[in-house]
Each structure stands twice: as C-alpha cells, then as structure tokens.
Amino acid sequence: FAPAVPDALQHIQCSIISSDPFDPARADRLFRIILSDFVTLVFFEKLVERIAREAPAVSFELLPVDDSPDELLRRGDVDFLILPDMFTSSVHSSVPLFDEKLVCVGCPTKKQLPQQLT
C-alpha cells in the first residue's frame, strides 16, 4: 500500500502540471478572472487588444469581485485575481502589475469644498 502512494502522487502531479511552455499563438483556452471595474478600465482593456493579436484563440470570462476570491482561486473556479493589495491574502503568491494615483478635483467656488484640498 505505502509504495503505491508516491507513484499515485507522481501521476497526479504529472497530470495536473504541464511542463510544456505556454505558447500564446497556439493556445486555445478560456481564462476566468476576477477583477474590479476600475482594473478592467485602466489595465485589462489595453491588455485585451494585445492578446487579440498574439493569442487569437484565448478568451476570457471576467467576473466581479466576490466575497471570497481567494477561495474561488484555491478551488480552481477562477484562474487569476487582479485586485488591489487590500483584497488579496498571503495564501497565494502575487506580483504588482501597476501603480495608480487617484486624485480629487473640485470646483473652488462650491460651498461643499470650504477648504483647499491638499
């Protein structure tokens, strides 16, 4: 019984993990991604144009931010999370994709802004 366990684990690992490099031009795959509307507008929209050229058979299902994105990723229900750091956990590895600076602009004659914004 015990000697069969390592063989079974090796078989599972070989079945799940592909050693073939990802070739975007030949890939025919649907990626499920959780991302916010903001990320869709400032990041993903530009990325889709490039992907359409370099990986024409790749498609995406974009999903809204959920209460448990890490759990969906853990279960394999989604492939990627593209979220601000505050919505991620240390359970999965991550890498910063971009930095964004948000500003507030207001009319100086409006009474709702009695002080100068800094």
PDB file of N, CA and C in Angstrom:
ATOM      1  N   PHE A   1       0.827  -1.198   0.000  1.00  0.00           N
ATOM      2  CA  PHE A   1       0.000   0.000   0.000  1.00  0.00           C
ATOM      3  C   PHE A   1       0.865   1.253   0.000  1.00  0.00           C
ATOM      4  N   ALA A   2       1.826   1.364   0.921  1.00  0.00           N
ATOM      5  CA  ALA A   2       2.652   2.570   1.051  1.00  0.00           C
ATOM      6  C   ALA A   2       3.458   2.880  -0.207  1.00  0.00           C
ATOM      7  N   PRO A   3       4.078   1.894  -0.885  1.00  0.00           N
ATOM      8  CA  PRO A   3       4.829   2.228  -2.094  1.00  0.00           C
ATOM      9  C   PRO A   3       3.952   2.782  -3.219  1.00  0.00           C
ATOM     10  N   ALA A   4       2.682   2.486  -3.210  1.00  0.00           N
ATOM     11  CA  ALA A   4       1.792   2.977  -4.269  1.00  0.00           C
ATOM     12  C   ALA A   4       1.477   4.460  -4.106  1.00  0.00           C
ATOM     13  N   VAL A   5       1.582   4.979  -2.882  1.00  0.00           N
ATOM     14  CA  VAL A   5       1.246   6.386  -2.636  1.00  0.00           C
ATOM     15  C   VAL A   5       2.158   7.334  -3.412  1.00  0.00           C
ATOM     16  N   PRO A   6       3.492   7.190  -3.343  1.00  0.00           N
ATOM     17  CA  PRO A   6       4.341   8.096  -4.125  1.00  0.00           C
ATOM     18  C   PRO A   6       4.080   8.006  -5.629  1.00  0.00           C
ATOM     19  N   ASP A   7       3.821   6.798  -6.124  1.00  0.00           N
ATOM     20  CA  ASP A   7       3.513   6.644  -7.548  1.00  0.00           C
ATOM     21  C   ASP A   7       2.223   7.366  -7.912  1.00  0.00           C
ATOM     22  N   ALA A   8       1.225   7.255  -7.056  1.00  0.00           N
ATOM     23  CA  ALA A   8      -0.052   7.929  -7.312  1.00  0.00           C
ATOM     24  C   ALA A   8       0.125   9.440  -7.286  1.00  0.00           C
ATOM     25  N   LEU A   9       0.887   9.940  -6.313  1.00  0.00           N
ATOM     26  CA  LEU A   9       1.136  11.380  -6.238  1.00  0.00           C
ATOM     27  C   LEU A   9       1.902  11.875  -7.463  1.00  0.00           C
ATOM     28  N   GLN A  10       2.870  11.109  -7.913  1.00  0.00           N
ATOM     29  CA  GLN A  10       3.627  11.482  -9.112  1.00  0.00           C
ATOM     30  C   GLN A  10       2.710  11.519 -10.330  1.00  0.00           C
ATOM     31  N   HIS A  11       1.828  10.553 -10.443  1.00  0.00           N
ATOM     32  CA  HIS A  11       0.886  10.519 -11.566  1.00  0.00           C
ATOM     33  C   HIS A  11      -0.042  11.736 -11.533  1.00  0.00           C
ATOM     34  N   ILE A  12      -0.537  12.075 -10.349  1.00  0.00           N
ATOM     35  CA  ILE A  12      -1.414  13.245 -10.210  1.00  0.00           C
ATOM     36  C   ILE A  12      -0.656  14.509 -10.587  1.00  0.00           C
ATOM     37  N   GLN A  13       0.573  14.640 -10.095  1.00  0.00           N
ATOM     38  CA  GLN A  13       1.365  15.831 -10.393  1.00  0.00           C
ATOM     39  C   GLN A  13       1.620  15.953 -11.895  1.00  0.00           C
ATOM     40  N   CYS A  14       1.942  14.877 -12.550  1.00  0.00           N
ATOM     41  CA  CYS A  14       2.188  14.921 -13.996  1.00  0.00           C
ATOM     42  C   CYS A  14       0.915  15.234 -14.772  1.00  0.00           C
ATOM     43  N   SER A  15      -0.217  14.807 -14.261  1.00  0.00           N
ATOM     44  CA  SER A  15      -1.486  15.072 -14.933  1.00  0.00           C
ATOM     45  C   SER A  15      -1.910  16.525 -14.798  1.00  0.00           C
ATOM     46  N   ILE A  16      -1.603  17.130 -13.661  1.00  0.00           N
ATOM     47  CA  ILE A  16      -2.049  18.494 -13.385  1.00  0.00           C
ATOM     48  C   ILE A  16      -1.074  19.534 -13.915  1.00  0.00           C
ATOM     49  N   ILE A  17       0.207  19.317 -13.698  1.00  0.00           N
ATOM     50  CA  ILE A  17       1.215  20.313 -14.044  1.00  0.00           C
ATOM     51  C   ILE A  17       1.816  19.970 -15.398  1.00  0.00           C
ATOM     52  N   SER A  18       1.686  20.885 -16.324  1.00  0.00           N
ATOM     53  CA  SER A  18       2.231  20.683 -17.659  1.00  0.00           C
ATOM     54  C   SER A  18       3.637  21.264 -17.724  1.00  0.00           C
ATOM     55  N   SER A  19       4.560  20.528 -18.285  1.00  0.00           N
ATOM     56  CA  SER A  19       5.920  21.040 -18.450  1.00  0.00           C
ATOM     57  C   SER A  19       6.079  21.769 -19.776  1.00  0.00           C
ATOM     58  N   ASP A  20       5.056  21.719 -20.623  1.00  0.00           N
ATOM     59  CA  ASP A  20       5.121  22.422 -21.899  1.00  0.00           C
ATOM     60  C   ASP A  20       5.020  23.920 -21.666  1.00  0.00           C
ATOM     61  N   PRO A  21       5.890  24.695 -22.313  1.00  0.00           N
ATOM     62  CA  PRO A  21       5.788  26.151 -22.164  1.00  0.00           C
ATOM     63  C   PRO A  21       4.506  26.667 -22.813  1.00  0.00           C
ATOM     64  N   PHE A  22       3.973  27.736 -22.255  1.00  0.00           N
ATOM     65  CA  PHE A  22       2.750  28.341 -22.780  1.00  0.00           C
ATOM     66  C   PHE A  22       3.073  29.064 -24.078  1.00  0.00           C
ATOM     67  N   ASP A  23       2.388  28.716 -25.151  1.00  0.00           N
ATOM     68  CA  ASP A  23       2.561  29.359 -26.456  1.00  0.00           C
ATOM     69  C   ASP A  23       1.279  30.115 -26.770  1.00  0.00           C
ATOM     70  N   PRO A  24       1.267  31.441 -26.584  1.00  0.00           N
ATOM     71  CA  PRO A  24       0.037  32.213 -26.783  1.00  0.00           C
ATOM     72  C   PRO A  24      -0.550  32.072 -28.186  1.00  0.00           C
ATOM     73  N   ALA A  25       0.291  31.990 -29.191  1.00  0.00           N
ATOM     74  CA  ALA A  25      -0.200  31.918 -30.569  1.00  0.00           C
ATOM     75  C   ALA A  25      -0.980  30.633 -30.827  1.00  0.00           C
ATOM     76  N   ARG A  26      -0.655  29.561 -30.110  1.00  0.00           N
ATOM     77  CA  ARG A  26      -1.333  28.280 -30.323  1.00  0.00           C
ATOM     78  C   ARG A  26      -2.338  27.941 -29.230  1.00  0.00           C
ATOM     79  N   ALA A  27      -2.387  28.760 -28.204  1.00  0.00           N
ATOM     80  CA  ALA A  27      -3.272  28.482 -27.068  1.00  0.00           C
ATOM     81  C   ALA A  27      -4.735  28.644 -27.458  1.00  0.00           C
ATOM     82  N   ASP A  28      -5.549  27.735 -26.996  1.00  0.00           N
ATOM     83  CA  ASP A  28      -6.999  27.782 -27.199  1.00  0.00           C
ATOM     84  C   ASP A  28      -7.620  27.529 -25.828  1.00  0.00           C
ATOM     85  N   ARG A  29      -7.795  28.605 -25.085  1.00  0.00           N
ATOM     86  CA  ARG A  29      -8.167  28.437 -23.686  1.00  0.00           C
ATOM     87  C   ARG A  29      -9.028  29.594 -23.209  1.00  0.00           C
ATOM     88  N   LEU A  30      -9.912  29.291 -22.272  1.00  0.00           N
ATOM     89  CA  LEU A  30     -10.713  30.293 -21.577  1.00  0.00           C
ATOM     90  C   LEU A  30     -10.088  30.522 -20.208  1.00  0.00           C
ATOM     91  N   PHE A  31      -9.796  31.780 -19.888  1.00  0.00           N
ATOM     92  CA  PHE A  31      -9.291  32.147 -18.576  1.00  0.00           C
ATOM     93  C   PHE A  31     -10.398  32.859 -17.817  1.00  0.00           C
ATOM     94  N   ARG A  32     -10.650  32.420 -16.607  1.00  0.00           N
ATOM     95  CA  ARG A  32     -11.647  33.070 -15.735  1.00  0.00           C
ATOM     96  C   ARG A  32     -10.894  33.967 -14.766  1.00  0.00           C
ATOM     97  N   ILE A  33     -11.258  35.251 -14.765  1.00  0.00           N
ATOM     98  CA  ILE A  33     -10.515  36.244 -13.991  1.00  0.00           C
ATOM     99  C   ILE A  33     -11.475  37.090 -13.165  1.00  0.00           C
ATOM    100  N   ILE A  34     -11.171  37.236 -11.883  1.00  0.00           N
ATOM    101  CA  ILE A  34     -11.912  38.162 -11.026  1.00  0.00           C
ATOM    102  C   ILE A  34     -11.149  39.475 -11.018  1.00  0.00           C
ATOM    103  N   LEU A  35     -11.852  40.564 -11.354  1.00  0.00           N
ATOM    104  CA  LEU A  35     -11.240  41.883 -11.328  1.00  0.00           C
ATOM    105  C   LEU A  35     -12.309  42.945 -11.151  1.00  0.00           C
ATOM    106  N   SER A  36     -11.892  44.092 -10.663  1.00  0.00           N
ATOM    107  CA  SER A  36     -12.835  45.185 -10.424  1.00  0.00           C
ATOM    108  C   SER A  36     -13.102  45.949 -11.717  1.00  0.00           C
ATOM    109  N   ASP A  37     -14.164  46.739 -11.716  1.00  0.00           N
ATOM    110  CA  ASP A  37     -14.463  47.584 -12.877  1.00  0.00           C
ATOM    111  C   ASP A  37     -13.306  48.526 -13.158  1.00  0.00           C
ATOM    112  N   PHE A  38     -12.729  49.082 -12.111  1.00  0.00           N
ATOM    113  CA  PHE A  38     -11.603  50.008 -12.258  1.00  0.00           C
ATOM    114  C   PHE A  38     -10.433  49.334 -12.967  1.00  0.00           C
ATOM    115  N   VAL A  39     -10.071  48.138 -12.530  1.00  0.00           N
ATOM    116  CA  VAL A  39      -8.958  47.408 -13.145  1.00  0.00           C
ATOM    117  C   VAL A  39      -9.287  47.075 -14.597  1.00  0.00           C
ATOM    118  N   THR A  40     -10.530  46.765 -14.873  1.00  0.00           N
ATOM    119  CA  THR A  40     -10.937  46.492 -16.253  1.00  0.00           C
ATOM    120  C   THR A  40     -10.667  47.700 -17.132  1.00  0.00           C
ATOM    121  N   LEU A  41     -11.013  48.880 -16.648  1.00  0.00           N
ATOM    122  CA  LEU A  41     -10.848  50.101 -17.444  1.00  0.00           C
ATOM    123  C   LEU A  41      -9.400  50.539 -17.600  1.00  0.00           C
ATOM    124  N   VAL A  42      -8.620  50.511 -16.522  1.00  0.00           N
ATOM    125  CA  VAL A  42      -7.271  51.071 -16.591  1.00  0.00           C
ATOM    126  C   VAL A  42      -6.200  50.066 -17.002  1.00  0.00           C
ATOM    127  N   PHE A  43      -6.474  48.799 -16.910  1.00  0.00           N
ATOM    128  CA  PHE A  43      -5.442  47.807 -17.200  1.00  0.00           C
ATOM    129  C   PHE A  43      -5.875  46.779 -18.238  1.00  0.00           C
ATOM    130  N   PHE A  44      -6.954  46.103 -17.967  1.00  0.00           N
ATOM    131  CA  PHE A  44      -7.315  44.939 -18.772  1.00  0.00           C
ATOM    132  C   PHE A  44      -7.753  45.302 -20.182  1.00  0.00           C
ATOM    133  N   GLU A  45      -8.424  46.434 -20.331  1.00  0.00           N
ATOM    134  CA  GLU A  45      -8.898  46.848 -21.650  1.00  0.00           C
ATOM    135  C   GLU A  45      -7.735  46.955 -22.642  1.00  0.00           C
ATOM    136  N   LYS A  46      -6.612  47.509 -22.197  1.00  0.00           N
ATOM    137  CA  LYS A  46      -5.432  47.634 -23.065  1.00  0.00           C
ATOM    138  C   LYS A  46      -4.795  46.277 -23.332  1.00  0.00           C
ATOM    139  N   LEU A  47      -4.828  45.430 -22.343  1.00  0.00           N
ATOM    140  CA  LEU A  47      -4.249  44.100 -22.474  1.00  0.00           C
ATOM    141  C   LEU A  47      -5.001  43.247 -23.496  1.00  0.00           C
ATOM    142  N   VAL A  48      -6.308  43.383 -23.538  1.00  0.00           N
ATOM    143  CA  VAL A  48      -7.132  42.586 -24.455  1.00  0.00           C
ATOM    144  C   VAL A  48      -6.752  42.838 -25.912  1.00  0.00           C
ATOM    145  N   GLU A  49      -6.448  44.072 -26.250  1.00  0.00           N
ATOM    146  CA  GLU A  49      -6.046  44.385 -27.628  1.00  0.00           C
ATOM    147  C   GLU A  49      -4.793  43.612 -28.017  1.00  0.00           C
ATOM    148  N   ARG A  50      -3.822  43.576 -27.135  1.00  0.00           N
ATOM    149  CA  ARG A  50      -2.587  42.851 -27.429  1.00  0.00           C
ATOM    150  C   ARG A  50      -2.834  41.342 -27.484  1.00  0.00           C
ATOM    151  N   ILE A  51      -3.623  40.844 -26.564  1.00  0.00           N
ATOM    152  CA  ILE A  51      -3.913  39.409 -26.543  1.00  0.00           C
ATOM    153  C   ILE A  51      -4.643  38.988 -27.815  1.00  0.00           C
ATOM    154  N   ALA A  52      -5.533  39.822 -28.306  1.00  0.00           N
ATOM    155  CA  ALA A  52      -6.259  39.503 -29.545  1.00  0.00           C
ATOM    156  C   ALA A  52      -5.292  39.307 -30.708  1.00  0.00           C
ATOM    157  N   ARG A  53      -4.210  40.064 -30.723  1.00  0.00           N
ATOM    158  CA  ARG A  53      -3.209  39.918 -31.793  1.00  0.00           C
ATOM    159  C   ARG A  53      -2.317  38.700 -31.579  1.00  0.00           C
ATOM    160  N   GLU A  54      -1.860  38.511 -30.356  1.00  0.00           N
ATOM    161  CA  GLU A  54      -0.850  37.488 -30.084  1.00  0.00           C
ATOM    162  C   GLU A  54      -1.419  36.124 -29.696  1.00  0.00           C
ATOM    163  N   ALA A  55      -2.653  36.099 -29.238  1.00  0.00           N
ATOM    164  CA  ALA A  55      -3.280  34.839 -28.812  1.00  0.00           C
ATOM    165  C   ALA A  55      -4.747  34.851 -29.229  1.00  0.00           C
ATOM    166  N   PRO A  56      -5.015  34.773 -30.529  1.00  0.00           N
ATOM    167  CA  PRO A  56      -6.382  34.963 -31.021  1.00  0.00           C
ATOM    168  C   PRO A  56      -7.409  33.948 -30.525  1.00  0.00           C
ATOM    169  N   ALA A  57      -6.989  32.781 -30.111  1.00  0.00           N
ATOM    170  CA  ALA A  57      -7.953  31.773 -29.646  1.00  0.00           C
ATOM    171  C   ALA A  57      -8.136  31.784 -28.128  1.00  0.00           C
ATOM    172  N   VAL A  58      -7.454  32.685 -27.444  1.00  0.00           N
ATOM    173  CA  VAL A  58      -7.613  32.805 -25.991  1.00  0.00           C
ATOM    174  C   VAL A  58      -8.812  33.699 -25.715  1.00  0.00           C
ATOM    175  N   SER A  59      -9.640  33.288 -24.763  1.00  0.00           N
ATOM    176  CA  SER A  59     -10.801  34.102 -24.392  1.00  0.00           C
ATOM    177  C   SER A  59     -10.846  34.251 -22.873  1.00  0.00           C
ATOM    178  N   PHE A  60     -11.698  35.169 -22.437  1.00  0.00           N
ATOM    179  CA  PHE A  60     -11.768  35.495 -21.020  1.00  0.00           C
ATOM    180  C   PHE A  60     -13.204  35.540 -20.547  1.00  0.00           C
ATOM    181  N   GLU A  61     -13.396  35.104 -19.328  1.00  0.00           N
ATOM    182  CA  GLU A  61     -14.645  35.333 -18.617  1.00  0.00           C
ATOM    183  C   GLU A  61     -14.278  36.224 -17.439  1.00  0.00           C
ATOM    184  N   LEU A  62     -14.744  37.472 -17.476  1.00  0.00           N
ATOM    185  CA  LEU A  62     -14.423  38.434 -16.434  1.00  0.00           C
ATOM    186  C   LEU A  62     -15.520  38.416 -15.388  1.00  0.00           C
ATOM    187  N   LEU A  63     -15.117  38.229 -14.145  1.00  0.00           N
ATOM    188  CA  LEU A  63     -16.067  38.093 -13.046  1.00  0.00           C
ATOM    189  C   LEU A  63     -15.888  39.234 -12.054  1.00  0.00           C
ATOM    190  N   PRO A  64     -16.978  39.700 -11.448  1.00  0.00           N
ATOM    191  CA  PRO A  64     -16.865  40.788 -10.467  1.00  0.00           C
ATOM    192  C   PRO A  64     -16.218  40.296  -9.173  1.00  0.00           C
ATOM    193  N   VAL A  65     -15.729  41.246  -8.409  1.00  0.00           N
ATOM    194  CA  VAL A  65     -15.118  40.915  -7.121  1.00  0.00           C
ATOM    195  C   VAL A  65     -16.170  40.255  -6.239  1.00  0.00           C
ATOM    196  N   ASP A  66     -15.782  39.158  -5.640  1.00  0.00           N
ATOM    197  CA  ASP A  66     -16.655  38.323  -4.824  1.00  0.00           C
ATOM    198  C   ASP A  66     -16.225  38.440  -3.362  1.00  0.00           C
ATOM    199  N   ASP A  67     -17.054  37.952  -2.461  1.00  0.00           N
ATOM    200  CA  ASP A  67     -16.706  37.961  -1.036  1.00  0.00           C
ATOM    201  C   ASP A  67     -15.554  37.015  -0.709  1.00  0.00           C
ATOM    202  N   SER A  68     -15.328  36.027  -1.550  1.00  0.00           N
ATOM    203  CA  SER A  68     -14.286  35.037  -1.251  1.00  0.00           C
ATOM    204  C   SER A  68     -13.436  34.725  -2.486  1.00  0.00           C
ATOM    205  N   PRO A  69     -12.745  35.728  -3.048  1.00  0.00           N
ATOM    206  CA  PRO A  69     -11.961  35.461  -4.257  1.00  0.00           C
ATOM    207  C   PRO A  69     -10.836  34.457  -4.028  1.00  0.00           C
ATOM    208  N   ASP A  70     -10.196  34.496  -2.846  1.00  0.00           N
ATOM    209  CA  ASP A  70      -9.117  33.544  -2.575  1.00  0.00           C
ATOM    210  C   ASP A  70      -9.618  32.107  -2.562  1.00  0.00           C
ATOM    211  N   GLU A  71     -10.818  31.905  -2.041  1.00  0.00           N
ATOM    212  CA  GLU A  71     -11.399  30.562  -2.010  1.00  0.00           C
ATOM    213  C   GLU A  71     -11.708  30.078  -3.423  1.00  0.00           C
ATOM    214  N   LEU A  72     -12.230  30.962  -4.265  1.00  0.00           N
ATOM    215  CA  LEU A  72     -12.509  30.585  -5.657  1.00  0.00           C
ATOM    216  C   LEU A  72     -11.224  30.217  -6.389  1.00  0.00           C
ATOM    217  N   LEU A  73     -10.153  30.947  -6.115  1.00  0.00           N
ATOM    218  CA  LEU A  73      -8.860  30.633  -6.722  1.00  0.00           C
ATOM    219  C   LEU A  73      -8.336  29.301  -6.198  1.00  0.00           C
ATOM    220  N   ARG A  74      -8.441  29.096  -4.905  1.00  0.00           N
ATOM    221  CA  ARG A  74      -7.972  27.844  -4.300  1.00  0.00           C
ATOM    222  C   ARG A  74      -8.684  26.635  -4.886  1.00  0.00           C
ATOM    223  N   ARG A  75      -9.986  26.762  -5.093  1.00  0.00           N
ATOM    224  CA  ARG A  75     -10.778  25.650  -5.638  1.00  0.00           C
ATOM    225  C   ARG A  75     -10.587  25.469  -7.137  1.00  0.00           C
ATOM    226  N   GLY A  76      -9.944  26.421  -7.799  1.00  0.00           N
ATOM    227  CA  GLY A  76      -9.766  26.326  -9.243  1.00  0.00           C
ATOM    228  C   GLY A  76     -10.958  26.831 -10.028  1.00  0.00           C
ATOM    229  N   ASP A  77     -11.880  27.527  -9.357  1.00  0.00           N
ATOM    230  CA  ASP A  77     -13.047  28.080 -10.053  1.00  0.00           C
ATOM    231  C   ASP A  77     -12.685  29.301 -10.888  1.00  0.00           C
ATOM    232  N   VAL A  78     -11.577  29.959 -10.559  1.00  0.00           N
ATOM    233  CA  VAL A  78     -11.047  31.069 -11.352  1.00  0.00           C
ATOM    234  C   VAL A  78      -9.556  30.842 -11.542  1.00  0.00           C
ATOM    235  N   ASP A  79      -9.004  31.451 -12.591  1.00  0.00           N
ATOM    236  CA  ASP A  79      -7.582  31.286 -12.893  1.00  0.00           C
ATOM    237  C   ASP A  79      -6.718  32.390 -12.298  1.00  0.00           C
ATOM    238  N   PHE A  80      -7.260  33.604 -12.248  1.00  0.00           N
ATOM    239  CA  PHE A  80      -6.494  34.752 -11.761  1.00  0.00           C
ATOM    240  C   PHE A  80      -7.378  35.686 -10.955  1.00  0.00           C
ATOM    241  N   LEU A  81      -6.740  36.407 -10.045  1.00  0.00           N
ATOM    242  CA  LEU A  81      -7.356  37.534  -9.349  1.00  0.00           C
ATOM    243  C   LEU A  81      -6.515  38.756  -9.701  1.00  0.00           C
ATOM    244  N   ILE A  82      -7.140  39.799 -10.193  1.00  0.00           N
ATOM    245  CA  ILE A  82      -6.430  41.057 -10.428  1.00  0.00           C
ATOM    246  C   ILE A  82      -7.128  42.083  -9.552  1.00  0.00           C
ATOM    247  N   LEU A  83      -6.563  42.284  -8.363  1.00  0.00           N
ATOM    248  CA  LEU A  83      -7.215  43.076  -7.325  1.00  0.00           C
ATOM    249  C   LEU A  83      -6.205  43.968  -6.615  1.00  0.00           C
ATOM    250  N   PRO A  84      -6.677  45.036  -5.985  1.00  0.00           N
ATOM    251  CA  PRO A  84      -5.786  45.820  -5.117  1.00  0.00           C
ATOM    252  C   PRO A  84      -5.282  44.949  -3.963  1.00  0.00           C
ATOM    253  N   ASP A  85      -4.102  45.301  -3.455  1.00  0.00           N
ATOM    254  CA  ASP A  85      -3.498  44.526  -2.361  1.00  0.00           C
ATOM    255  C   ASP A  85      -4.446  44.306  -1.193  1.00  0.00           C
ATOM    256  N   MET A  86      -5.267  45.291  -0.901  1.00  0.00           N
ATOM    257  CA  MET A  86      -6.137  45.187   0.272  1.00  0.00           C
ATOM    258  C   MET A  86      -7.171  44.062   0.152  1.00  0.00           C
ATOM    259  N   PHE A  87      -7.395  43.541  -1.048  1.00  0.00           N
ATOM    260  CA  PHE A  87      -8.360  42.462  -1.250  1.00  0.00           C
ATOM    261  C   PHE A  87      -7.699  41.103  -1.446  1.00  0.00           C
ATOM    262  N   THR A  88      -6.385  41.042  -1.314  1.00  0.00           N
ATOM    263  CA  THR A  88      -5.689  39.774  -1.502  1.00  0.00           C
ATOM    264  C   THR A  88      -5.183  39.254  -0.165  1.00  0.00           C
ATOM    265  N   SER A  89      -4.836  37.997  -0.145  1.00  0.00           N
ATOM    266  CA  SER A  89      -4.275  37.402   1.068  1.00  0.00           C
ATOM    267  C   SER A  89      -2.886  36.871   0.750  1.00  0.00           C
ATOM    268  N   SER A  90      -2.182  36.490   1.783  1.00  0.00           N
ATOM    269  CA  SER A  90      -0.833  35.949   1.594  1.00  0.00           C
ATOM    270  C   SER A  90      -0.862  34.458   1.257  1.00  0.00           C
ATOM    271  N   VAL A  91      -2.041  33.886   1.145  1.00  0.00           N
ATOM    272  CA  VAL A  91      -2.171  32.460   0.846  1.00  0.00           C
ATOM    273  C   VAL A  91      -1.613  32.138  -0.543  1.00  0.00           C
ATOM    274  N   HIS A  92      -1.845  33.040  -1.494  1.00  0.00           N
ATOM    275  CA  HIS A  92      -1.380  32.836  -2.865  1.00  0.00           C
ATOM    276  C   HIS A  92      -0.287  33.846  -3.181  1.00  0.00           C
ATOM    277  N   SER A  93       0.646  33.455  -4.024  1.00  0.00           N
ATOM    278  CA  SER A  93       1.692  34.396  -4.424  1.00  0.00           C
ATOM    279  C   SER A  93       1.085  35.470  -5.320  1.00  0.00           C
ATOM    280  N   SER A  94       1.706  36.650  -5.292  1.00  0.00           N
ATOM    281  CA  SER A  94       1.200  37.755  -6.110  1.00  0.00           C
ATOM    282  C   SER A  94       2.359  38.624  -6.565  1.00  0.00           C
ATOM    283  N   VAL A  95       2.087  39.438  -7.567  1.00  0.00           N
ATOM    284  CA  VAL A  95       3.076  40.369  -8.094  1.00  0.00           C
ATOM    285  C   VAL A  95       2.352  41.659  -8.463  1.00  0.00           C
ATOM    286  N   PRO A  96       2.936  42.829  -8.150  1.00  0.00           N
ATOM    287  CA  PRO A  96       2.287  44.091  -8.540  1.00  0.00           C
ATOM    288  C   PRO A  96       2.264  44.238 -10.063  1.00  0.00           C
ATOM    289  N   LEU A  97       1.140  44.680 -10.602  1.00  0.00           N
ATOM    290  CA  LEU A  97       1.018  44.876 -12.048  1.00  0.00           C
ATOM    291  C   LEU A  97       1.198  46.330 -12.452  1.00  0.00           C
ATOM    292  N   PHE A  98       0.706  47.253 -11.640  1.00  0.00           N
ATOM    293  CA  PHE A  98       0.848  48.675 -11.936  1.00  0.00           C
ATOM    294  C   PHE A  98       0.536  49.486 -10.688  1.00  0.00           C
ATOM    295  N   ASP A  99       0.955  50.749 -10.709  1.00  0.00           N
ATOM    296  CA  ASP A  99       0.626  51.700  -9.643  1.00  0.00           C
ATOM    297  C   ASP A  99      -0.294  52.747 -10.230  1.00  0.00           C
ATOM    298  N   GLU A 100      -1.234  53.185  -9.446  1.00  0.00           N
ATOM    299  CA  GLU A 100      -2.202  54.181  -9.913  1.00  0.00           C
ATOM    300  C   GLU A 100      -2.334  55.261  -8.857  1.00  0.00           C
ATOM    301  N   LYS A 101      -2.377  56.497  -9.291  1.00  0.00           N
ATOM    302  CA  LYS A 101      -2.565  57.620  -8.382  1.00  0.00           C
ATOM    303  C   LYS A 101      -3.943  58.205  -8.634  1.00  0.00           C
ATOM    304  N   LEU A 102      -4.765  58.247  -7.604  1.00  0.00           N
ATOM    305  CA  LEU A 102      -6.102  58.807  -7.710  1.00  0.00           C
ATOM    306  C   LEU A 102      -6.098  60.214  -7.135  1.00  0.00           C
ATOM    307  N   VAL A 103      -6.826  61.113  -7.757  1.00  0.00           N
ATOM    308  CA  VAL A 103      -6.904  62.492  -7.285  1.00  0.00           C
ATOM    309  C   VAL A 103      -8.358  62.920  -7.193  1.00  0.00           C
ATOM    310  N   CYS A 104      -8.602  63.935  -6.391  1.00  0.00           N
ATOM    311  CA  CYS A 104      -9.930  64.521  -6.269  1.00  0.00           C
ATOM    312  C   CYS A 104      -9.877  65.915  -6.879  1.00  0.00           C
ATOM    313  N   VAL A 105     -10.800  66.202  -7.755  1.00  0.00           N
ATOM    314  CA  VAL A 105     -10.864  67.505  -8.407  1.00  0.00           C
ATOM    315  C   VAL A 105     -12.209  68.124  -8.056  1.00  0.00           C
ATOM    316  N   GLY A 106     -12.186  69.370  -7.609  1.00  0.00           N
ATOM    317  CA  GLY A 106     -13.425  70.048  -7.239  1.00  0.00           C
ATOM    318  C   GLY A 106     -13.410  71.497  -7.678  1.00  0.00           C
ATOM    319  N   CYS A 107     -14.566  72.055  -7.851  1.00  0.00           N
ATOM    320  CA  CYS A 107     -14.719  73.454  -8.239  1.00  0.00           C
ATOM    321  C   CYS A 107     -14.473  74.335  -7.008  1.00  0.00           C
ATOM    322  N   PRO A 108     -13.546  75.297  -7.081  1.00  0.00           N
ATOM    323  CA  PRO A 108     -13.220  76.112  -5.902  1.00  0.00           C
ATOM    324  C   PRO A 108     -14.347  77.044  -5.455  1.00  0.00           C
ATOM    325  N   THR A 109     -15.345  77.262  -6.290  1.00  0.00           N
ATOM    326  CA  THR A 109     -16.441  78.157  -5.904  1.00  0.00           C
ATOM    327  C   THR A 109     -17.591  77.425  -5.218  1.00  0.00           C
ATOM    328  N   LYS A 110     -17.532  76.132  -5.125  1.00  0.00           N
ATOM    329  CA  LYS A 110     -18.601  75.352  -4.487  1.00  0.00           C
ATOM    330  C   LYS A 110     -18.448  75.370  -2.972  1.00  0.00           C
ATOM    331  N   LYS A 111     -19.548  75.551  -2.269  1.00  0.00           N
ATOM    332  CA  LYS A 111     -19.523  75.614  -0.806  1.00  0.00           C
ATOM    333  C   LYS A 111     -19.248  74.250  -0.169  1.00  0.00           C
ATOM    334  N   GLN A 112     -19.450  73.175  -0.914  1.00  0.00           N
ATOM    335  CA  GLN A 112     -19.184  71.843  -0.370  1.00  0.00           C
ATOM    336  C   GLN A 112     -17.684  71.640  -0.128  1.00  0.00           C
ATOM    337  N   LEU A 113     -16.853  72.477  -0.735  1.00  0.00           N
ATOM    338  CA  LEU A 113     -15.406  72.400  -0.548  1.00  0.00           C
ATOM    339  C   LEU A 113     -14.923  73.688   0.121  1.00  0.00           C
ATOM    340  N   PRO A 114     -15.195  73.858   1.423  1.00  0.00           N
ATOM    341  CA  PRO A 114     -14.856  75.122   2.080  1.00  0.00           C
ATOM    342  C   PRO A 114     -13.354  75.331   2.265  1.00  0.00           C
ATOM    343  N   GLN A 115     -12.588  74.254   2.226  1.00  0.00           N
ATOM    344  CA  GLN A 115     -11.144  74.365   2.409  1.00  0.00           C
ATOM    345  C   GLN A 115     -10.436  73.921   1.138  1.00  0.00           C
ATOM    346  N   GLN A 116      -9.201  74.351   1.019  1.00  0.00           N
ATOM    347  CA  GLN A 116      -8.392  73.901  -0.114  1.00  0.00           C
ATOM    348  C   GLN A 116      -8.048  72.427   0.087  1.00  0.00           C
ATOM    349  N   LEU A 117      -8.165  71.661  -0.964  1.00  0.00           N
ATOM    350  CA  LEU A 117      -7.776  70.250  -0.897  1.00  0.00           C
ATOM    351  C   LEU A 117      -6.261  70.152  -0.966  1.00  0.00           C
ATOM    352  N   THR A 118      -5.705  69.189  -0.263  1.00  0.00           N
ATOM    353  CA  THR A 118      -4.253  69.003  -0.309  1.00  0.00           C
ATOM    354  C   THR A 118      -3.933  67.665  -0.912  1.00  0.00           C
TER     355      THR A 118
END
